[in-house]
Amino acid sequence: MKTLMVIDPERCSECNDCINACKKEHGVARAKKSSTVPIFCLQCHPDKAPCARICPTGAITEENGSLIVNEESCILCRLCMIACPIGILVIDDEKKAVQKCTLCMDSDCLIPACVDACKDNVLKIFSIEDLEDLKSDVDFTDVLDEAMRAYKNKI
């Protein structure tokens, strides 16, 4: 099941709790802070993700609908970091591998650590199926149609 992170930037208090929770869970923050709101991996379609497509060792592969970095295969060439359209991949010096947001699918968290830590309720997780279900709500139909077109045409 394809899962996406949705952020409500107007409600973000810029507290950094999500970034700190990610760092605590994974040893390195897999999200970054813009001048105001956190930025997370776009969770690109696995067949189209620039980071996975450019990796010379095939270290970035799909697992349960999310792209995961195989630390043993990563050679730290940094091509994935260059290819990422938002520059969100990070290096974990301890593991000597690139890391990316997996929405905590590679940890014991029931929900992503950042979502759990967000006291302002700014971060939400949706599946593509959830978004399709919301299309029946007339208020959201136009917005969701545009977002789904953008997602399908994007990376």
Protein backbone atom coordinates (compact mmCIF):
# COMPACT_ATOMS: atom_id res chain seq x y z
CA MET A 1 0.00 0.00 0.00
CA LYS A 2 1.44 3.37 -1.06
CA THR A 3 1.58 5.84 1.82
CA LEU A 4 2.14 9.60 1.76
CA MET A 5 2.92 12.25 4.37
CA VAL A 6 0.70 15.33 4.31
CA ILE A 7 1.69 18.52 6.13
CA ASP A 8 -0.49 21.46 7.13
CA PRO A 9 2.10 24.28 7.06
CA GLU A 10 -0.28 26.87 8.49
CA ARG A 11 -0.55 24.95 11.77
CA CYS A 12 3.18 24.20 12.18
CA SER A 13 4.67 25.96 15.20
CA GLU A 14 8.24 25.31 13.98
CA CYS A 15 9.04 23.46 17.22
CA ASN A 16 11.34 20.80 15.64
CA ASP A 17 9.71 17.98 17.66
CA CYS A 18 9.24 15.93 14.47
CA ILE A 19 12.88 16.35 13.43
CA ASN A 20 14.11 15.47 16.94
CA ALA A 21 11.85 12.39 17.13
CA CYS A 22 13.18 11.17 13.78
CA LYS A 23 16.76 11.63 14.95
CA LYS A 24 16.02 9.81 18.20
CA GLU A 25 14.38 6.90 16.36
CA HIS A 26 16.95 6.49 13.59
CA GLY A 27 20.16 8.07 14.90
CA VAL A 28 20.03 10.69 12.16
CA ALA A 29 17.18 12.98 11.15
CA ARG A 30 15.74 11.70 7.88
CA ALA A 31 13.75 14.90 7.52
CA LYS A 32 15.03 18.43 7.16
CA LYS A 33 13.76 21.79 8.23
CA SER A 34 13.10 24.50 5.68
CA SER A 35 12.95 28.07 6.89
CA THR A 36 9.57 27.26 8.45
CA VAL A 37 8.23 23.71 8.05
CA PRO A 38 9.77 20.24 7.98
CA ILE A 39 10.45 18.61 4.63
CA PHE A 40 10.06 14.88 4.19
CA CYS A 41 10.79 12.41 1.43
CA LEU A 42 8.18 12.65 -1.34
CA GLN A 43 7.78 8.84 -1.23
CA CYS A 44 8.08 8.74 -5.03
CA HIS A 45 6.61 5.86 -6.98
CA PRO A 46 9.20 3.06 -6.69
CA ASP A 47 9.46 2.64 -10.47
CA LYS A 48 10.06 6.36 -11.01
CA ALA A 49 12.07 7.44 -7.96
CA PRO A 50 15.22 9.24 -9.14
CA CYS A 51 17.20 8.06 -6.10
CA ALA A 52 16.50 4.39 -6.84
CA ARG A 53 16.91 4.71 -10.59
CA ILE A 54 20.36 6.29 -10.37
CA CYS A 55 21.84 4.05 -7.66
CA PRO A 56 24.65 2.06 -9.30
CA THR A 57 24.46 -0.78 -6.77
CA GLY A 58 20.67 -1.09 -6.55
CA ALA A 59 20.82 -0.26 -2.84
CA ILE A 60 17.45 1.53 -2.89
CA THR A 61 14.61 -0.92 -3.34
CA GLU A 62 10.90 -1.17 -2.63
CA GLU A 63 9.72 -2.93 0.48
CA ASN A 64 6.05 -2.87 1.47
CA GLY A 65 5.34 0.15 -0.73
CA SER A 66 8.24 2.28 0.55
CA LEU A 67 11.76 2.71 -0.74
CA ILE A 68 14.38 1.39 1.67
CA VAL A 69 18.17 1.81 1.56
CA ASN A 70 20.09 -1.45 1.91
CA GLU A 71 22.99 -0.25 4.05
CA GLU A 72 25.27 -3.13 3.03
CA SER A 73 24.87 -2.31 -0.66
CA CYS A 74 25.27 1.47 -0.31
CA ILE A 75 28.73 2.65 -1.41
CA LEU A 76 28.15 6.31 -0.41
CA CYS A 77 28.57 7.54 -3.97
CA ARG A 78 25.93 10.21 -3.17
CA LEU A 79 24.31 9.99 -6.61
CA CYS A 80 20.93 9.40 -4.96
CA MET A 81 21.36 12.58 -2.93
CA ILE A 82 22.03 14.54 -6.11
CA ALA A 83 19.13 12.93 -7.98
CA CYS A 84 16.55 13.56 -5.25
CA PRO A 85 14.34 16.44 -6.43
CA ILE A 86 14.19 17.93 -2.92
CA GLY A 87 17.61 16.83 -1.60
CA ILE A 88 16.18 14.93 1.34
CA LEU A 89 18.50 11.91 1.54
CA VAL A 90 21.06 12.12 4.35
CA ILE A 91 24.26 10.34 5.31
CA ASP A 92 24.40 8.34 8.51
CA ASP A 93 28.09 8.48 9.45
CA GLU A 94 27.69 5.72 12.02
CA LYS A 95 26.10 3.27 9.58
CA LYS A 96 28.24 4.57 6.70
CA ALA A 97 25.23 4.64 4.39
CA VAL A 98 22.68 7.00 2.95
CA GLN A 99 19.34 7.11 4.77
CA LYS A 100 15.90 8.25 3.67
CA CYS A 101 12.50 8.55 5.24
CA THR A 102 10.61 5.27 5.19
CA LEU A 103 7.72 6.57 7.31
CA CYS A 104 9.30 4.41 10.05
CA MET A 105 8.43 1.19 8.24
CA ASP A 106 11.92 -0.05 9.14
CA SER A 107 11.39 0.50 12.87
CA ASP A 108 9.07 -0.78 15.56
CA CYS A 109 6.87 2.35 15.46
CA LEU A 110 3.16 1.84 14.82
CA ILE A 111 3.01 5.30 13.29
CA PRO A 112 5.98 7.39 12.14
CA ALA A 113 7.92 8.90 15.04
CA CYS A 114 7.53 12.39 13.60
CA VAL A 115 3.73 12.08 13.41
CA ASP A 116 3.58 10.76 16.97
CA ALA A 117 5.77 13.62 18.23
CA CYS A 118 3.86 16.43 16.51
CA LYS A 119 1.94 18.20 19.27
CA ASP A 120 0.30 20.54 16.75
CA ASN A 121 -1.22 17.65 14.76
CA VAL A 122 0.35 19.04 11.59
CA LEU A 123 1.51 15.74 10.10
CA LYS A 124 -0.88 13.16 8.68
CA ILE A 125 -0.32 9.83 6.96
CA PHE A 126 -2.62 8.81 4.11
CA SER A 127 -2.68 5.88 1.75
CA ILE A 128 -3.52 6.47 -1.89
CA GLU A 129 -6.67 4.47 -1.16
CA ASP A 130 -7.61 6.89 1.65
CA LEU A 131 -7.25 9.79 -0.74
CA GLU A 132 -9.40 8.02 -3.33
CA ASP A 133 -12.10 7.57 -0.65
CA LEU A 134 -12.01 11.29 0.13
CA LYS A 135 -12.94 12.03 -3.47
CA SER A 136 -16.57 11.35 -2.58
CA ASP A 137 -16.45 14.44 -0.36
CA VAL A 138 -17.50 17.27 -2.68
CA ASP A 139 -15.41 19.87 -0.81
CA PHE A 140 -12.20 17.95 -1.48
CA THR A 141 -12.88 16.55 -4.96
CA ASP A 142 -11.19 19.29 -7.02
CA VAL A 143 -8.20 19.56 -4.70
CA LEU A 144 -7.69 15.79 -4.58
CA ASP A 145 -8.09 15.38 -8.34
CA GLU A 146 -5.34 17.92 -8.88
CA ALA A 147 -3.10 16.33 -6.23
CA MET A 148 -3.60 12.82 -7.66
CA ARG A 149 -2.79 14.03 -11.20
CA ALA A 150 0.36 15.70 -9.89
CA TYR A 151 1.35 12.55 -7.97
CA LYS A 152 0.80 10.23 -10.94
CA ASN A 153 2.72 12.53 -13.30
CA LYS A 154 5.47 13.27 -10.81
CA ILE A 155 8.59 11.31 -10.47
